[in-house]
Amino acid sequence: MRKLMQLTLATSLLNASAFAETALIEVKFFKDWVIKGESTSDNFNLAIKNTGTAPILLAETSLCFEIGQLVTRPLPRNLAEDKEQEEQYQIMLMESREFLKLLPEETHVYEGRKFLLRPLPFSEEIRFTVSIYLGKGAWLDSEPLTLKGVVPDAEEKVATVGETIFPCDLVAVTYKNERWLYVKTRPNEQLRSAGGKYYSICPVSLTNKIRVEPHDGKMLYKIWDGDKSMIYRDGQAILLEGPDENNVFGKWTRERKQKAEADNAEVRRKKAEEKK
C-alpha cells in the first residue's frame, strides 16, 4: 500500500499577548481527508509545547482534558460555542482532582485514547483550529488546519461488532490509493441515534481480505489484514495491538511521547546547570 498521506502542522501562538501562556501545538494527521459523518477527532493526535514564561495548567487525564480544554474550533469562528466552553471548563474543574503544570520549554503528549471533540460541518474544505481552553475566555490555538471532505470510491462491510442492544458495523472505506477501516454506527431508538456516524480505526491494505473474530470475550476483537493481526477494543475506535503500518495512531503517540520525555529531560538538565 502506498505510504500514507500524513500532515504535521504546528504553530507558535501569537494571540496570547494578554497573558504569559503561549504554546506550540503540534497536530499530526494520519490522512488529509474525511467522509461525510466521520469524526475528525479520530484522525489526529497532538503534542503541546510550552513556549511561554509561565506554567500552563492542563488536566492530567485525557478524559478531563477532552471535557474542559481540548476543542476543534471551525473557521470562521462560532462565537456562541466558544462562550459555552467556560461551562465545560467548570465541569472539568469539578471532575478533575489532579492537574499537571506544563513548565516553560517542556512538551506533553496525551496517550491511551482518541478524543471526542466538537463536530465540524462537512464540506469540500473543512477549516478549523485545534485549540486548548485555559478558562476565562483564554485560548491557545494551532495555526489554521484544513481537511478535504470527500466521497469515497467504495465502502465494504466486513463485520458486525458490539452488544446486541447497540451493534455497529466495521466497514472498509477506499479513497484513491488509501483504504481505512471504520466503525459505523447503526440507528438506535433507545439512544435516539440516527446512525451513520463513522469513526476511523486504522489503515488497511488495498487488496487483502479483512477478517474479524471475537477475542477473549471482553469487547475485544482480532482483526486480520491478510496475515497481519490486530487487537481492537469495541467502543474506542482504537487498536490495542497491531503492526506499526496499521496502528499509526499508537506508533506516532509512542514515538512522540518518547521524544518529548527526552527533550524535557534535556531542558531540566540545562536549567539545573544554570542554577549552579
Protein backbone atom coordinates (compact mmCIF):
# COMPACT_ATOMS: atom_id res chain seq x y z
CA MET A 1 0.00 0.00 0.00
CA ARG A 2 1.26 3.43 -0.84
CA LYS A 3 2.77 5.34 2.04
CA LEU A 4 0.02 7.12 3.95
CA MET A 5 -0.55 10.77 3.23
CA GLN A 6 0.36 12.44 6.51
CA LEU A 7 0.48 16.03 7.57
CA THR A 8 2.17 17.63 10.53
CA LEU A 9 1.24 21.20 11.40
CA ALA A 10 2.47 23.35 14.23
CA THR A 11 2.18 26.94 15.34
CA SER A 12 3.72 29.36 17.77
CA LEU A 13 0.81 31.18 19.34
CA LEU A 14 0.83 34.94 18.90
CA ASN A 15 -2.69 35.73 20.10
CA ALA A 16 -2.00 35.31 23.80
CA SER A 17 -0.37 38.65 24.48
CA ALA A 18 -2.68 39.35 27.43
CA PHE A 19 -1.16 36.53 29.46
CA ALA A 20 2.10 34.66 29.82
CA GLU A 21 0.93 31.30 28.47
CA THR A 22 1.88 30.53 24.88
CA ALA A 23 2.34 27.14 23.27
CA LEU A 24 3.36 25.29 20.17
CA ILE A 25 0.52 22.89 19.32
CA GLU A 26 1.80 20.17 17.00
CA VAL A 27 -1.04 18.38 15.21
CA LYS A 28 -0.41 15.09 13.45
CA PHE A 29 -2.93 13.98 10.83
CA PHE A 30 -2.91 10.37 9.67
CA LYS A 31 -4.82 11.20 6.47
CA ASP A 32 -5.82 14.52 4.95
CA TRP A 33 -9.44 13.62 4.07
CA VAL A 34 -12.69 12.78 5.82
CA ILE A 35 -16.01 11.36 4.61
CA LYS A 36 -19.49 12.60 5.48
CA GLY A 37 -20.40 11.53 9.00
CA GLU A 38 -16.77 10.96 10.04
CA SER A 39 -15.48 12.16 13.39
CA THR A 40 -12.39 14.28 12.70
CA SER A 41 -11.18 13.61 16.25
CA ASP A 42 -10.20 10.06 15.27
CA ASN A 43 -7.80 11.32 12.61
CA PHE A 44 -5.09 13.09 14.62
CA ASN A 45 -3.05 13.34 17.77
CA LEU A 46 -1.15 16.25 19.22
CA ALA A 47 1.82 17.39 21.28
CA ILE A 48 1.79 20.58 23.36
CA LYS A 49 5.00 22.53 23.98
CA ASN A 50 5.01 25.44 26.42
CA THR A 51 6.75 28.33 24.63
CA GLY A 52 5.81 30.94 27.22
CA THR A 53 7.28 32.09 30.50
CA ALA A 54 4.62 30.71 32.88
CA PRO A 55 3.36 27.16 33.51
CA ILE A 56 0.29 26.02 31.55
CA LEU A 57 -2.32 24.24 33.66
CA LEU A 58 -3.61 21.08 31.92
CA ALA A 59 -5.95 18.36 33.13
CA GLU A 60 -3.86 15.34 33.99
CA THR A 61 -6.16 12.73 32.44
CA SER A 62 -7.02 12.75 28.77
CA LEU A 63 -10.74 12.39 29.58
CA CYS A 64 -10.87 15.55 31.66
CA PHE A 65 -8.68 17.35 29.13
CA GLU A 66 -11.21 16.42 26.45
CA ILE A 67 -14.17 17.61 28.54
CA GLY A 68 -12.91 21.01 29.51
CA GLN A 69 -9.97 22.12 27.41
CA LEU A 70 -9.47 20.47 24.01
CA VAL A 71 -11.74 21.77 21.23
CA THR A 72 -11.91 21.77 17.44
CA ARG A 73 -12.97 25.32 16.51
CA PRO A 74 -14.32 25.96 13.00
CA LEU A 75 -13.13 28.83 10.84
CA PRO A 76 -14.82 31.28 10.77
CA ARG A 77 -15.41 31.14 14.50
CA ASN A 78 -18.66 30.11 16.17
CA LEU A 79 -18.64 32.65 18.98
CA ALA A 80 -21.69 31.16 20.71
CA GLU A 81 -19.94 27.80 21.05
CA ASP A 82 -16.78 29.50 22.25
CA LYS A 83 -18.70 31.15 25.10
CA GLU A 84 -20.22 27.80 26.12
CA GLN A 85 -16.74 26.33 26.64
CA GLU A 86 -16.47 28.04 30.03
CA GLU A 87 -19.29 25.79 31.30
CA GLN A 88 -17.39 22.69 30.15
CA TYR A 89 -14.24 24.04 31.74
CA GLN A 90 -16.01 24.44 35.08
CA ILE A 91 -17.32 20.86 34.82
CA MET A 92 -13.77 19.70 34.26
CA LEU A 93 -12.60 21.61 37.34
CA MET A 94 -15.21 19.81 39.44
CA GLU A 95 -14.44 16.38 37.97
CA SER A 96 -10.66 16.52 37.79
CA ARG A 97 -8.75 16.21 41.06
CA GLU A 98 -5.29 16.48 39.61
CA PHE A 99 -3.66 18.80 37.10
CA LEU A 100 -0.23 18.96 35.58
CA LYS A 101 1.78 22.13 35.22
CA LEU A 102 3.44 22.14 31.84
CA LEU A 103 6.58 24.13 32.57
CA PRO A 104 8.19 26.53 30.08
CA GLU A 105 10.05 24.77 27.23
CA GLU A 106 8.58 21.36 28.14
CA THR A 107 6.27 19.19 26.00
CA HIS A 108 3.31 16.98 26.88
CA VAL A 109 1.64 14.19 24.88
CA TYR A 110 -1.62 12.54 25.97
CA GLU A 111 -1.87 8.83 25.26
CA GLY A 112 -4.17 5.85 25.55
CA ARG A 113 -7.31 7.11 23.83
CA LYS A 114 -8.72 9.17 20.99
CA PHE A 115 -10.52 12.41 21.77
CA LEU A 116 -14.19 13.13 21.03
CA LEU A 117 -14.18 16.74 20.00
CA ARG A 118 -16.74 19.28 18.85
CA PRO A 119 -18.08 18.10 15.45
CA LEU A 120 -17.29 20.18 12.38
CA PRO A 121 -19.63 20.92 9.45
CA PHE A 122 -18.83 18.70 6.47
CA SER A 123 -17.78 20.42 3.24
CA GLU A 124 -15.25 20.08 0.43
CA GLU A 125 -12.82 22.12 2.52
CA ILE A 126 -13.06 21.92 6.32
CA ARG A 127 -11.09 24.69 8.03
CA PHE A 128 -10.52 24.76 11.78
CA THR A 129 -8.04 25.01 14.60
CA VAL A 130 -7.22 22.58 17.38
CA SER A 131 -7.48 24.72 20.49
CA ILE A 132 -6.83 24.50 24.22
CA TYR A 133 -9.06 26.45 26.60
CA LEU A 134 -7.43 27.94 29.69
CA GLY A 135 -10.52 29.45 31.30
CA LYS A 136 -11.96 32.97 31.42
CA GLY A 137 -12.05 33.27 27.64
CA ALA A 138 -8.36 32.48 27.10
CA TRP A 139 -7.44 30.14 24.21
CA LEU A 140 -4.30 28.61 22.78
CA ASP A 141 -4.83 27.89 19.07
CA SER A 142 -3.00 25.87 16.46
CA GLU A 143 -2.47 27.51 13.12
CA PRO A 144 -5.41 27.10 10.68
CA LEU A 145 -5.81 23.48 9.56
CA THR A 146 -7.59 22.08 6.51
CA LEU A 147 -9.10 18.69 5.70
CA LYS A 148 -10.79 17.64 2.46
CA GLY A 149 -14.36 16.41 2.59
CA VAL A 150 -14.60 13.61 0.02
CA VAL A 151 -16.94 10.99 -1.41
CA PRO A 152 -15.29 7.55 -1.01
CA ASP A 153 -14.72 5.32 -4.02
CA ALA A 154 -16.02 2.25 -2.19
CA GLU A 155 -17.38 1.05 1.15
CA GLU A 156 -17.46 -2.62 2.17
CA LYS A 157 -18.95 -4.09 5.35
CA VAL A 158 -16.56 -6.60 6.90
CA ALA A 159 -18.14 -7.47 10.27
CA THR A 160 -20.64 -6.59 12.99
CA VAL A 161 -19.30 -5.81 16.47
CA GLY A 162 -20.75 -4.69 19.77
CA GLU A 163 -23.51 -5.87 22.04
CA THR A 164 -26.93 -6.77 20.64
CA ILE A 165 -28.51 -3.61 22.06
CA PHE A 166 -26.06 -1.37 20.24
CA PRO A 167 -24.35 -3.21 17.37
CA CYS A 168 -22.07 -1.38 14.97
CA ASP A 169 -20.56 -2.34 11.63
CA LEU A 170 -16.90 -2.46 10.73
CA VAL A 171 -16.51 -1.15 7.18
CA ALA A 172 -13.54 -0.77 4.86
CA VAL A 173 -13.61 2.58 3.04
CA THR A 174 -11.47 3.14 -0.05
CA TYR A 175 -10.50 6.57 -1.34
CA LYS A 176 -7.97 6.79 -4.18
CA ASN A 177 -4.93 4.76 -3.04
CA GLU A 178 -5.90 4.51 0.61
CA ARG A 179 -8.17 2.08 2.43
CA TRP A 180 -9.25 2.65 6.02
CA LEU A 181 -11.18 0.56 8.50
CA TYR A 182 -14.00 2.37 10.29
CA VAL A 183 -16.63 1.55 12.87
CA LYS A 184 -20.03 2.75 11.63
CA THR A 185 -22.96 3.24 13.98
CA ARG A 186 -26.44 1.90 13.30
CA PRO A 187 -29.76 3.61 14.13
CA ASN A 188 -30.75 3.11 17.76
CA GLU A 189 -34.18 4.09 19.10
CA GLN A 190 -33.16 3.88 22.75
CA LEU A 191 -30.35 6.38 22.22
CA ARG A 192 -32.36 8.36 19.64
CA SER A 193 -29.47 7.94 17.28
CA ALA A 194 -29.92 8.12 13.52
CA GLY A 195 -26.77 6.08 12.93
CA GLY A 196 -24.37 6.51 10.06
CA LYS A 197 -21.56 8.01 12.16
CA TYR A 198 -18.05 6.90 11.18
CA TYR A 199 -15.03 6.58 13.47
CA SER A 200 -11.71 5.69 11.84
CA ILE A 201 -9.71 2.83 13.32
CA CYS A 202 -6.67 2.24 11.13
CA PRO A 203 -5.36 1.99 7.57
CA VAL A 204 -5.54 -1.43 5.94
CA SER A 205 -4.16 -2.85 2.71
CA LEU A 206 -5.87 -2.12 -0.58
CA THR A 207 -6.26 -5.76 -1.61
CA ASN A 208 -6.26 -8.07 1.42
CA LYS A 209 -9.49 -9.55 2.71
CA ILE A 210 -10.24 -8.17 6.20
CA ARG A 211 -11.39 -10.80 8.71
CA VAL A 212 -12.75 -10.17 12.20
CA GLU A 213 -13.31 -12.58 15.08
CA PRO A 214 -14.11 -12.23 18.82
CA HIS A 215 -11.09 -12.19 21.13
CA ASP A 216 -11.23 -13.19 24.81
CA GLY A 217 -14.90 -12.20 25.14
CA LYS A 218 -14.06 -8.79 26.68
CA MET A 219 -15.29 -6.44 23.95
CA LEU A 220 -12.06 -7.27 22.14
CA TYR A 221 -11.82 -8.38 18.53
CA LYS A 222 -8.95 -9.74 16.47
CA ILE A 223 -8.74 -8.16 13.03
CA TRP A 224 -6.77 -9.86 10.27
CA ASP A 225 -5.36 -7.85 7.36
CA GLY A 226 -4.00 -10.72 5.29
CA ASP A 227 -1.51 -12.42 7.64
CA LYS A 228 -1.18 -9.37 9.91
CA SER A 229 -3.33 -9.37 13.09
CA MET A 230 -4.54 -6.52 15.30
CA ILE A 231 -6.49 -6.32 18.57
CA TYR A 232 -9.39 -3.86 18.51
CA ARG A 233 -11.37 -2.71 21.55
CA ASP A 234 -15.02 -2.06 20.79
CA GLY A 235 -16.31 1.39 21.71
CA GLN A 236 -12.97 3.21 21.50
CA ALA A 237 -12.12 3.11 17.77
CA ILE A 238 -8.57 2.27 18.76
CA LEU A 239 -6.15 -0.63 18.37
CA LEU A 240 -4.62 -2.10 21.50
CA GLU A 241 -2.10 -4.06 19.44
CA GLY A 242 -1.02 -4.16 15.83
CA PRO A 243 1.91 -3.62 13.46
CA ASP A 244 3.05 -0.04 13.02
CA GLU A 245 1.79 0.18 9.44
CA ASN A 246 -1.74 -0.37 10.76
CA ASN A 247 -1.51 1.11 14.25
CA VAL A 248 -0.41 4.55 13.04
CA PHE A 249 -2.08 6.33 15.97
CA GLY A 250 -0.29 4.19 18.55
CA LYS A 251 3.05 4.35 16.73
CA TRP A 252 3.08 8.16 16.49
CA THR A 253 1.91 8.57 20.09
CA ARG A 254 4.57 6.20 21.42
CA GLU A 255 7.42 7.76 19.45
CA ARG A 256 6.34 11.37 20.08
CA LYS A 257 5.99 10.74 23.80
CA GLN A 258 9.47 9.21 23.95
CA LYS A 259 10.88 12.26 22.16
CA ALA A 260 9.00 14.62 24.50
CA GLU A 261 10.39 12.84 27.56
CA ALA A 262 13.94 13.03 26.19
CA ASP A 263 13.56 16.72 25.31
CA ASN A 264 12.09 17.50 28.74
CA ALA A 265 14.99 15.76 30.46
CA GLU A 266 17.43 17.89 28.48
CA VAL A 267 15.53 21.09 29.35
CA ARG A 268 15.63 20.21 33.05
CA ARG A 269 19.32 19.35 32.86
CA LYS A 270 20.17 22.74 31.33
CA LYS A 271 18.07 24.60 33.89
CA ALA A 272 19.79 22.72 36.72
CA GLU A 273 23.21 23.67 35.34
CA GLU A 274 22.17 27.33 35.09
CA LYS A 275 21.28 27.35 38.77
CA LYS A 276 24.71 26.13 39.85
